[in-house]
């Protein structure tokens, strides 16, 4: 059985980075509605939760909420690289290129 882990750093292609490529409305809503988004670099052998999702959504992310409840330090880095408000993240991804 695979142990579920999380990324501590943001991936270069993380959809929560301020300078990421816009996902478009449909994909953005799919990601937003996910309560614990898996990193885009996840494989069957290496399942990892997304650091960017946890940094932006905090307690709306199930994995983040459980870790805080259990007093587990996630050691996430890159808070300054992700959007600070969900509204800004949504606006960015609605502006498709």
PDB file of N, CA and C in Angstrom:
ATOM      1  N   UNK A   1       0.844  -1.196   0.000  1.00  0.00           N
ATOM      2  CA  UNK A   1       0.000   0.000   0.000  1.00  0.00           C
ATOM      3  C   UNK A   1       0.880   1.247   0.000  1.00  0.00           C
ATOM      4  N   UNK A   2       0.525   2.199  -0.846  1.00  0.00           N
ATOM      5  CA  UNK A   2       1.290   3.445  -0.916  1.00  0.00           C
ATOM      6  C   UNK A   2       0.990   4.344   0.269  1.00  0.00           C
ATOM      7  N   UNK A   3       2.009   4.936   0.834  1.00  0.00           N
ATOM      8  CA  UNK A   3       1.831   5.908   1.901  1.00  0.00           C
ATOM      9  C   UNK A   3       1.603   7.271   1.251  1.00  0.00           C
ATOM     10  N   UNK A   4       0.593   7.990   1.687  1.00  0.00           N
ATOM     11  CA  UNK A   4       0.318   9.303   1.118  1.00  0.00           C
ATOM     12  C   UNK A   4       1.192  10.350   1.794  1.00  0.00           C
ATOM     13  N   UNK A   5       1.904  11.091   1.003  1.00  0.00           N
ATOM     14  CA  UNK A   5       2.815  12.114   1.489  1.00  0.00           C
ATOM     15  C   UNK A   5       2.474  13.436   0.837  1.00  0.00           C
ATOM     16  N   UNK A   6       3.234  14.463   1.165  1.00  0.00           N
ATOM     17  CA  UNK A   6       2.994  15.766   0.560  1.00  0.00           C
ATOM     18  C   UNK A   6       4.306  16.389   0.107  1.00  0.00           C
ATOM     19  N   UNK A   7       4.186  17.249  -0.892  1.00  0.00           N
ATOM     20  CA  UNK A   7       5.315  18.044  -1.341  1.00  0.00           C
ATOM     21  C   UNK A   7       5.550  19.130  -0.298  1.00  0.00           C
ATOM     22  N   UNK A   8       6.786  19.427  -0.012  1.00  0.00           N
ATOM     23  CA  UNK A   8       7.102  20.523   0.901  1.00  0.00           C
ATOM     24  C   UNK A   8       7.430  21.789   0.126  1.00  0.00           C
ATOM     25  N   UNK A   9       7.856  21.607  -1.129  1.00  0.00           N
ATOM     26  CA  UNK A   9       8.200  22.729  -1.995  1.00  0.00           C
ATOM     27  C   UNK A   9       7.269  22.738  -3.198  1.00  0.00           C
ATOM     28  N   UNK A  10       7.153  23.880  -3.811  1.00  0.00           N
ATOM     29  CA  UNK A  10       6.320  24.013  -5.006  1.00  0.00           C
ATOM     30  C   UNK A  10       7.038  23.449  -6.221  1.00  0.00           C
ATOM     31  N   UNK A  11       6.304  22.781  -7.080  1.00  0.00           N
ATOM     32  CA  UNK A  11       6.858  22.306  -8.352  1.00  0.00           C
ATOM     33  C   UNK A  11       6.937  23.487  -9.311  1.00  0.00           C
ATOM     34  N   UNK A  12       7.785  23.389 -10.302  1.00  0.00           N
ATOM     35  CA  UNK A  12       7.919  24.474 -11.282  1.00  0.00           C
ATOM     36  C   UNK A  12       6.637  24.688 -12.081  1.00  0.00           C
ATOM     37  N   UNK A  13       5.831  23.638 -12.222  1.00  0.00           N
ATOM     38  CA  UNK A  13       4.593  23.741 -12.992  1.00  0.00           C
ATOM     39  C   UNK A  13       3.350  23.805 -12.101  1.00  0.00           C
ATOM     40  N   UNK A  14       3.522  24.126 -10.836  1.00  0.00           N
ATOM     41  CA  UNK A  14       2.405  24.176  -9.890  1.00  0.00           C
ATOM     42  C   UNK A  14       1.356  25.198 -10.343  1.00  0.00           C
ATOM     43  N   UNK A  15       0.081  24.803 -10.418  1.00  0.00           N
ATOM     44  CA  UNK A  15      -0.962  25.737 -10.853  1.00  0.00           C
ATOM     45  C   UNK A  15      -1.310  26.802  -9.810  1.00  0.00           C
ATOM     46  N   UNK A  16      -0.610  26.812  -8.690  1.00  0.00           N
ATOM     47  CA  UNK A  16      -0.857  27.810  -7.658  1.00  0.00           C
ATOM     48  C   UNK A  16       0.220  28.886  -7.616  1.00  0.00           C
ATOM     49  N   UNK A  17       1.239  28.744  -8.473  1.00  0.00           N
ATOM     50  CA  UNK A  17       2.280  29.769  -8.588  1.00  0.00           C
ATOM     51  C   UNK A  17       1.704  31.019  -9.234  1.00  0.00           C
ATOM     52  N   UNK A  18       2.155  32.166  -8.806  1.00  0.00           N
ATOM     53  CA  UNK A  18       1.678  33.435  -9.372  1.00  0.00           C
ATOM     54  C   UNK A  18       1.985  33.543 -10.868  1.00  0.00           C
ATOM     55  N   UNK A  19       3.068  32.912 -11.313  1.00  0.00           N
ATOM     56  CA  UNK A  19       3.481  33.038 -12.715  1.00  0.00           C
ATOM     57  C   UNK A  19       3.168  31.793 -13.546  1.00  0.00           C
ATOM     58  N   UNK A  20       2.218  30.962 -13.117  1.00  0.00           N
ATOM     59  CA  UNK A  20       1.899  29.741 -13.853  1.00  0.00           C
ATOM     60  C   UNK A  20       1.042  30.049 -15.083  1.00  0.00           C
ATOM     61  N   UNK A  21       0.993  29.088 -15.985  1.00  0.00           N
ATOM     62  CA  UNK A  21       0.129  29.206 -17.157  1.00  0.00           C
ATOM     63  C   UNK A  21      -1.324  29.059 -16.694  1.00  0.00           C
ATOM     64  N   UNK A  22      -2.227  29.897 -17.201  1.00  0.00           N
ATOM     65  CA  UNK A  22      -3.638  29.785 -16.822  1.00  0.00           C
ATOM     66  C   UNK A  22      -4.230  28.431 -17.212  1.00  0.00           C
ATOM     67  N   UNK A  23      -5.014  27.858 -16.327  1.00  0.00           N
ATOM     68  CA  UNK A  23      -5.639  26.555 -16.561  1.00  0.00           C
ATOM     69  C   UNK A  23      -6.909  26.678 -17.398  1.00  0.00           C
ATOM     70  N   UNK A  24      -7.530  27.814 -17.351  1.00  0.00           N
ATOM     71  CA  UNK A  24      -8.845  27.962 -17.955  1.00  0.00           C
ATOM     72  C   UNK A  24      -9.911  27.670 -16.910  1.00  0.00           C
ATOM     73  N   UNK A  25     -11.106  28.136 -17.162  1.00  0.00           N
ATOM     74  CA  UNK A  25     -12.181  28.064 -16.184  1.00  0.00           C
ATOM     75  C   UNK A  25     -12.581  26.672 -15.747  1.00  0.00           C
ATOM     76  N   UNK A  26     -12.747  25.758 -16.697  1.00  0.00           N
ATOM     77  CA  UNK A  26     -13.220  24.415 -16.364  1.00  0.00           C
ATOM     78  C   UNK A  26     -12.205  23.652 -15.512  1.00  0.00           C
ATOM     79  N   UNK A  27     -10.958  23.635 -15.928  1.00  0.00           N
ATOM     80  CA  UNK A  27      -9.919  22.935 -15.181  1.00  0.00           C
ATOM     81  C   UNK A  27      -9.693  23.601 -13.827  1.00  0.00           C
ATOM     82  N   UNK A  28      -9.716  24.926 -13.787  1.00  0.00           N
ATOM     83  CA  UNK A  28      -9.526  25.658 -12.543  1.00  0.00           C
ATOM     84  C   UNK A  28     -10.600  25.272 -11.535  1.00  0.00           C
ATOM     85  N   UNK A  29     -11.853  25.170 -11.964  1.00  0.00           N
ATOM     86  CA  UNK A  29     -12.938  24.797 -11.061  1.00  0.00           C
ATOM     87  C   UNK A  29     -12.778  23.355 -10.574  1.00  0.00           C
ATOM     88  N   UNK A  30     -12.312  22.474 -11.437  1.00  0.00           N
ATOM     89  CA  UNK A  30     -12.056  21.085 -11.049  1.00  0.00           C
ATOM     90  C   UNK A  30     -11.000  21.028  -9.937  1.00  0.00           C
ATOM     91  N   UNK A  31      -9.929  21.787 -10.096  1.00  0.00           N
ATOM     92  CA  UNK A  31      -8.860  21.835  -9.097  1.00  0.00           C
ATOM     93  C   UNK A  31      -9.376  22.467  -7.808  1.00  0.00           C
ATOM     94  N   UNK A  32     -10.112  23.551  -7.923  1.00  0.00           N
ATOM     95  CA  UNK A  32     -10.622  24.270  -6.752  1.00  0.00           C
ATOM     96  C   UNK A  32     -11.558  23.405  -5.913  1.00  0.00           C
ATOM     97  N   UNK A  33     -12.394  22.612  -6.560  1.00  0.00           N
ATOM     98  CA  UNK A  33     -13.369  21.789  -5.845  1.00  0.00           C
ATOM     99  C   UNK A  33     -12.742  20.578  -5.164  1.00  0.00           C
ATOM    100  N   UNK A  34     -11.500  20.262  -5.509  1.00  0.00           N
ATOM    101  CA  UNK A  34     -10.808  19.128  -4.902  1.00  0.00           C
ATOM    102  C   UNK A  34     -10.380  19.517  -3.498  1.00  0.00           C
ATOM    103  N   UNK A  35     -10.729  18.695  -2.521  1.00  0.00           N
ATOM    104  CA  UNK A  35     -10.427  19.067  -1.141  1.00  0.00           C
ATOM    105  C   UNK A  35      -9.009  18.703  -0.708  1.00  0.00           C
ATOM    106  N   UNK A  36      -8.293  17.945  -1.523  1.00  0.00           N
ATOM    107  CA  UNK A  36      -6.891  17.616  -1.238  1.00  0.00           C
ATOM    108  C   UNK A  36      -6.229  17.280  -2.577  1.00  0.00           C
ATOM    109  N   UNK A  37      -5.782  18.288  -3.275  1.00  0.00           N
ATOM    110  CA  UNK A  37      -5.251  18.168  -4.640  1.00  0.00           C
ATOM    111  C   UNK A  37      -3.919  17.428  -4.663  1.00  0.00           C
ATOM    112  N   UNK A  38      -3.802  16.453  -5.555  1.00  0.00           N
ATOM    113  CA  UNK A  38      -2.546  15.728  -5.721  1.00  0.00           C
ATOM    114  C   UNK A  38      -1.623  16.498  -6.659  1.00  0.00           C
ATOM    115  N   UNK A  39      -0.345  16.514  -6.328  1.00  0.00           N
ATOM    116  CA  UNK A  39       0.659  17.192  -7.135  1.00  0.00           C
ATOM    117  C   UNK A  39       0.626  16.648  -8.560  1.00  0.00           C
ATOM    118  N   UNK A  40       0.841  17.509  -9.527  1.00  0.00           N
ATOM    119  CA  UNK A  40       0.833  17.098 -10.932  1.00  0.00           C
ATOM    120  C   UNK A  40       1.986  16.150 -11.259  1.00  0.00           C
ATOM    121  N   UNK A  41       2.955  16.045 -10.361  1.00  0.00           N
ATOM    122  CA  UNK A  41       4.092  15.134 -10.562  1.00  0.00           C
ATOM    123  C   UNK A  41       3.872  13.792  -9.868  1.00  0.00           C
ATOM    124  N   UNK A  42       2.663  13.546  -9.401  1.00  0.00           N
ATOM    125  CA  UNK A  42       2.332  12.298  -8.718  1.00  0.00           C
ATOM    126  C   UNK A  42       2.361  11.132  -9.703  1.00  0.00           C
ATOM    127  N   UNK A  43       2.891  10.017  -9.250  1.00  0.00           N
ATOM    128  CA  UNK A  43       2.878   8.772 -10.018  1.00  0.00           C
ATOM    129  C   UNK A  43       2.231   7.699  -9.156  1.00  0.00           C
ATOM    130  N   UNK A  44       1.991   6.531  -9.730  1.00  0.00           N
ATOM    131  CA  UNK A  44       1.404   5.433  -8.944  1.00  0.00           C
ATOM    132  C   UNK A  44       2.317   5.037  -7.792  1.00  0.00           C
ATOM    133  N   UNK A  45       3.614   5.132  -8.013  1.00  0.00           N
ATOM    134  CA  UNK A  45       4.576   4.756  -6.985  1.00  0.00           C
ATOM    135  C   UNK A  45       4.840   5.867  -5.982  1.00  0.00           C
ATOM    136  N   UNK A  46       4.496   7.088  -6.335  1.00  0.00           N
ATOM    137  CA  UNK A  46       4.866   8.251  -5.526  1.00  0.00           C
ATOM    138  C   UNK A  46       3.697   9.228  -5.463  1.00  0.00           C
ATOM    139  N   UNK A  47       2.737   8.991  -4.581  1.00  0.00           N
ATOM    140  CA  UNK A  47       1.555   9.843  -4.447  1.00  0.00           C
ATOM    141  C   UNK A  47       1.857  10.964  -3.460  1.00  0.00           C
ATOM    142  N   UNK A  48       1.773  12.195  -3.949  1.00  0.00           N
ATOM    143  CA  UNK A  48       2.118  13.351  -3.125  1.00  0.00           C
ATOM    144  C   UNK A  48       1.025  14.417  -3.226  1.00  0.00           C
ATOM    145  N   UNK A  49       0.655  14.988  -2.077  1.00  0.00           N
ATOM    146  CA  UNK A  49      -0.282  16.107  -2.086  1.00  0.00           C
ATOM    147  C   UNK A  49       0.449  17.391  -2.454  1.00  0.00           C
ATOM    148  N   UNK A  50      -0.261  18.284  -3.107  1.00  0.00           N
ATOM    149  CA  UNK A  50       0.299  19.526  -3.648  1.00  0.00           C
ATOM    150  C   UNK A  50       0.540  20.576  -2.557  1.00  0.00           C
ATOM    151  N   UNK A  51       1.763  21.078  -2.498  1.00  0.00           N
ATOM    152  CA  UNK A  51       2.124  22.130  -1.539  1.00  0.00           C
ATOM    153  C   UNK A  51       1.380  23.421  -1.848  1.00  0.00           C
ATOM    154  N   UNK A  52       1.257  23.764  -3.114  1.00  0.00           N
ATOM    155  CA  UNK A  52       0.580  25.003  -3.509  1.00  0.00           C
ATOM    156  C   UNK A  52      -0.879  25.031  -3.088  1.00  0.00           C
ATOM    157  N   UNK A  53      -1.566  23.919  -3.251  1.00  0.00           N
ATOM    158  CA  UNK A  53      -2.972  23.819  -2.848  1.00  0.00           C
ATOM    159  C   UNK A  53      -3.107  24.055  -1.351  1.00  0.00           C
ATOM    160  N   UNK A  54      -2.195  23.469  -0.575  1.00  0.00           N
ATOM    161  CA  UNK A  54      -2.241  23.648   0.880  1.00  0.00           C
ATOM    162  C   UNK A  54      -1.885  25.067   1.277  1.00  0.00           C
ATOM    163  N   UNK A  55      -0.911  25.671   0.592  1.00  0.00           N
ATOM    164  CA  UNK A  55      -0.506  27.043   0.927  1.00  0.00           C
ATOM    165  C   UNK A  55      -1.611  28.050   0.626  1.00  0.00           C
ATOM    166  N   UNK A  56      -2.347  27.840  -0.453  1.00  0.00           N
ATOM    167  CA  UNK A  56      -3.413  28.781  -0.817  1.00  0.00           C
ATOM    168  C   UNK A  56      -4.690  28.529  -0.011  1.00  0.00           C
ATOM    169  N   UNK A  57      -5.100  27.290   0.090  1.00  0.00           N
ATOM    170  CA  UNK A  57      -6.412  26.996   0.665  1.00  0.00           C
ATOM    171  C   UNK A  57      -6.392  26.641   2.147  1.00  0.00           C
ATOM    172  N   UNK A  58      -5.231  26.404   2.691  1.00  0.00           N
ATOM    173  CA  UNK A  58      -5.060  26.113   4.120  1.00  0.00           C
ATOM    174  C   UNK A  58      -6.113  25.135   4.637  1.00  0.00           C
ATOM    175  N   UNK A  59      -6.981  25.562   5.540  1.00  0.00           N
ATOM    176  CA  UNK A  59      -7.929  24.669   6.212  1.00  0.00           C
ATOM    177  C   UNK A  59      -9.027  24.117   5.300  1.00  0.00           C
ATOM    178  N   UNK A  60      -9.149  24.620   4.098  1.00  0.00           N
ATOM    179  CA  UNK A  60     -10.084  24.035   3.131  1.00  0.00           C
ATOM    180  C   UNK A  60      -9.492  22.766   2.520  1.00  0.00           C
ATOM    181  N   UNK A  61      -8.200  22.562   2.690  1.00  0.00           N
ATOM    182  CA  UNK A  61      -7.525  21.361   2.209  1.00  0.00           C
ATOM    183  C   UNK A  61      -7.573  20.305   3.314  1.00  0.00           C
ATOM    184  N   UNK A  62      -8.144  19.146   3.035  1.00  0.00           N
ATOM    185  CA  UNK A  62      -8.318  18.087   4.028  1.00  0.00           C
ATOM    186  C   UNK A  62      -6.997  17.626   4.628  1.00  0.00           C
ATOM    187  N   UNK A  63      -5.985  17.444   3.803  1.00  0.00           N
ATOM    188  CA  UNK A  63      -4.686  16.969   4.288  1.00  0.00           C
ATOM    189  C   UNK A  63      -4.074  17.974   5.259  1.00  0.00           C
ATOM    190  N   UNK A  64      -4.126  19.259   4.901  1.00  0.00           N
ATOM    191  CA  UNK A  64      -3.607  20.338   5.751  1.00  0.00           C
ATOM    192  C   UNK A  64      -4.346  20.360   7.093  1.00  0.00           C
ATOM    193  N   UNK A  65      -5.668  20.259   7.011  1.00  0.00           N
ATOM    194  CA  UNK A  65      -6.502  20.307   8.216  1.00  0.00           C
ATOM    195  C   UNK A  65      -6.191  19.140   9.158  1.00  0.00           C
ATOM    196  N   UNK A  66      -6.031  17.954   8.596  1.00  0.00           N
ATOM    197  CA  UNK A  66      -5.695  16.781   9.424  1.00  0.00           C
ATOM    198  C   UNK A  66      -4.333  16.940  10.084  1.00  0.00           C
ATOM    199  N   UNK A  67      -3.368  17.423   9.316  1.00  0.00           N
ATOM    200  CA  UNK A  67      -2.023  17.610   9.874  1.00  0.00           C
ATOM    201  C   UNK A  67      -2.063  18.598  11.031  1.00  0.00           C
ATOM    202  N   UNK A  68      -2.791  19.686  10.884  1.00  0.00           N
ATOM    203  CA  UNK A  68      -2.893  20.677  11.963  1.00  0.00           C
ATOM    204  C   UNK A  68      -3.597  20.082  13.181  1.00  0.00           C
ATOM    205  N   UNK A  69      -4.657  19.307  12.943  1.00  0.00           N
ATOM    206  CA  UNK A  69      -5.381  18.671  14.040  1.00  0.00           C
ATOM    207  C   UNK A  69      -4.477  17.717  14.818  1.00  0.00           C
ATOM    208  N   UNK A  70      -3.619  16.996  14.095  1.00  0.00           N
ATOM    209  CA  UNK A  70      -2.710  16.032  14.716  1.00  0.00           C
ATOM    210  C   UNK A  70      -1.396  16.667  15.173  1.00  0.00           C
ATOM    211  N   UNK A  71      -1.312  17.994  15.006  1.00  0.00           N
ATOM    212  CA  UNK A  71      -0.119  18.748  15.402  1.00  0.00           C
ATOM    213  C   UNK A  71       1.140  18.269  14.669  1.00  0.00           C
ATOM    214  N   UNK A  72       0.980  17.998  13.366  1.00  0.00           N
ATOM    215  CA  UNK A  72       2.087  17.585  12.509  1.00  0.00           C
ATOM    216  C   UNK A  72       2.538  18.787  11.685  1.00  0.00           C
ATOM    217  N   UNK A  73       3.807  19.123  11.766  1.00  0.00           N
ATOM    218  CA  UNK A  73       4.359  20.248  11.002  1.00  0.00           C
ATOM    219  C   UNK A  73       4.591  19.803   9.555  1.00  0.00           C
ATOM    220  N   UNK A  74       4.005  20.499   8.605  1.00  0.00           N
ATOM    221  CA  UNK A  74       4.128  20.140   7.195  1.00  0.00           C
ATOM    222  C   UNK A  74       5.393  20.688   6.541  1.00  0.00           C
ATOM    223  N   UNK A  75       5.992  21.708   7.136  1.00  0.00           N
ATOM    224  CA  UNK A  75       7.230  22.312   6.622  1.00  0.00           C
ATOM    225  C   UNK A  75       7.095  22.782   5.172  1.00  0.00           C
ATOM    226  N   UNK A  76       5.971  23.408   4.851  1.00  0.00           N
ATOM    227  CA  UNK A  76       5.739  23.922   3.502  1.00  0.00           C
ATOM    228  C   UNK A  76       6.564  25.176   3.260  1.00  0.00           C
ATOM    229  N   UNK A  77       7.108  25.288   2.062  1.00  0.00           N
ATOM    230  CA  UNK A  77       7.868  26.487   1.692  1.00  0.00           C
ATOM    231  C   UNK A  77       7.273  27.087   0.423  1.00  0.00           C
ATOM    232  N   UNK A  78       7.503  28.374   0.214  1.00  0.00           N
ATOM    233  CA  UNK A  78       7.069  29.034  -1.013  1.00  0.00           C
ATOM    234  C   UNK A  78       5.820  29.867  -0.881  1.00  0.00           C
ATOM    235  N   UNK A  79       5.416  30.200   0.336  1.00  0.00           N
ATOM    236  CA  UNK A  79       4.192  30.990   0.529  1.00  0.00           C
ATOM    237  C   UNK A  79       4.213  32.279  -0.291  1.00  0.00           C
ATOM    238  N   UNK A  80       5.382  32.898  -0.425  1.00  0.00           N
ATOM    239  CA  UNK A  80       5.494  34.150  -1.180  1.00  0.00           C
ATOM    240  C   UNK A  80       5.372  33.946  -2.688  1.00  0.00           C
ATOM    241  N   UNK A  81       5.401  32.711  -3.166  1.00  0.00           N
ATOM    242  CA  UNK A  81       5.331  32.425  -4.598  1.00  0.00           C
ATOM    243  C   UNK A  81       3.931  32.071  -5.077  1.00  0.00           C
ATOM    244  N   UNK A  82       3.023  31.821  -4.142  1.00  0.00           N
ATOM    245  CA  UNK A  82       1.657  31.472  -4.522  1.00  0.00           C
ATOM    246  C   UNK A  82       0.741  32.675  -4.318  1.00  0.00           C
ATOM    247  N   UNK A  83      -0.427  32.618  -4.924  1.00  0.00           N
ATOM    248  CA  UNK A  83      -1.409  33.685  -4.744  1.00  0.00           C
ATOM    249  C   UNK A  83      -1.788  33.783  -3.273  1.00  0.00           C
ATOM    250  N   UNK A  84      -2.038  34.998  -2.819  1.00  0.00           N
ATOM    251  CA  UNK A  84      -2.388  35.211  -1.413  1.00  0.00           C
ATOM    252  C   UNK A  84      -3.890  35.106  -1.177  1.00  0.00           C
ATOM    253  N   UNK A  85      -4.652  35.321  -2.247  1.00  0.00           N
ATOM    254  CA  UNK A  85      -6.113  35.247  -2.123  1.00  0.00           C
ATOM    255  C   UNK A  85      -6.664  34.315  -3.196  1.00  0.00           C
ATOM    256  N   UNK A  86      -7.656  33.537  -2.842  1.00  0.00           N
ATOM    257  CA  UNK A  86      -8.274  32.627  -3.793  1.00  0.00           C
ATOM    258  C   UNK A  86      -8.835  33.409  -4.973  1.00  0.00           C
ATOM    259  N   UNK A  87      -9.402  34.572  -4.708  1.00  0.00           N
ATOM    260  CA  UNK A  87      -9.980  35.388  -5.780  1.00  0.00           C
ATOM    261  C   UNK A  87      -8.930  35.752  -6.830  1.00  0.00           C
ATOM    262  N   UNK A  88      -7.715  36.078  -6.411  1.00  0.00           N
ATOM    263  CA  UNK A  88      -6.639  36.393  -7.358  1.00  0.00           C
ATOM    264  C   UNK A  88      -6.259  35.166  -8.180  1.00  0.00           C
ATOM    265  N   UNK A  89      -6.239  34.003  -7.543  1.00  0.00           N
ATOM    266  CA  UNK A  89      -5.929  32.753  -8.233  1.00  0.00           C
ATOM    267  C   UNK A  89      -6.993  32.452  -9.287  1.00  0.00           C
ATOM    268  N   UNK A  90      -8.255  32.620  -8.905  1.00  0.00           N
ATOM    269  CA  UNK A  90      -9.371  32.393  -9.836  1.00  0.00           C
ATOM    270  C   UNK A  90      -9.276  33.353 -11.021  1.00  0.00           C
ATOM    271  N   UNK A  91      -9.084  34.634 -10.759  1.00  0.00           N
ATOM    272  CA  UNK A  91      -8.979  35.624 -11.834  1.00  0.00           C
ATOM    273  C   UNK A  91      -7.841  35.281 -12.792  1.00  0.00           C
ATOM    274  N   UNK A  92      -6.713  34.861 -12.252  1.00  0.00           N
ATOM    275  CA  UNK A  92      -5.566  34.489 -13.103  1.00  0.00           C
ATOM    276  C   UNK A  92      -5.930  33.350 -14.047  1.00  0.00           C
ATOM    277  N   UNK A  93      -6.584  32.339 -13.544  1.00  0.00           N
ATOM    278  CA  UNK A  93      -6.894  31.173 -14.362  1.00  0.00           C
ATOM    279  C   UNK A  93      -8.075  31.380 -15.292  1.00  0.00           C
ATOM    280  N   UNK A  94      -8.888  32.380 -15.036  1.00  0.00           N
ATOM    281  CA  UNK A  94      -9.987  32.704 -15.962  1.00  0.00           C
ATOM    282  C   UNK A  94      -9.494  33.497 -17.158  1.00  0.00           C
ATOM    283  N   UNK A  95      -8.322  34.101 -17.057  1.00  0.00           N
ATOM    284  CA  UNK A  95      -7.719  34.850 -18.152  1.00  0.00           C
ATOM    285  C   UNK A  95      -6.903  33.908 -19.004  1.00  0.00           C
ATOM    286  N   UNK A  96      -7.588  33.065 -19.786  1.00  0.00           N
ATOM    287  CA  UNK A  96      -6.922  32.068 -20.622  1.00  0.00           C
ATOM    288  C   UNK A  96      -6.120  32.740 -21.724  1.00  0.00           C
ATOM    289  N   UNK A  97      -5.024  32.093 -22.054  1.00  0.00           N
ATOM    290  CA  UNK A  97      -4.168  32.611 -23.150  1.00  0.00           C
ATOM    291  C   UNK A  97      -4.537  31.893 -24.424  1.00  0.00           C
TER     292      UNK A  97
END
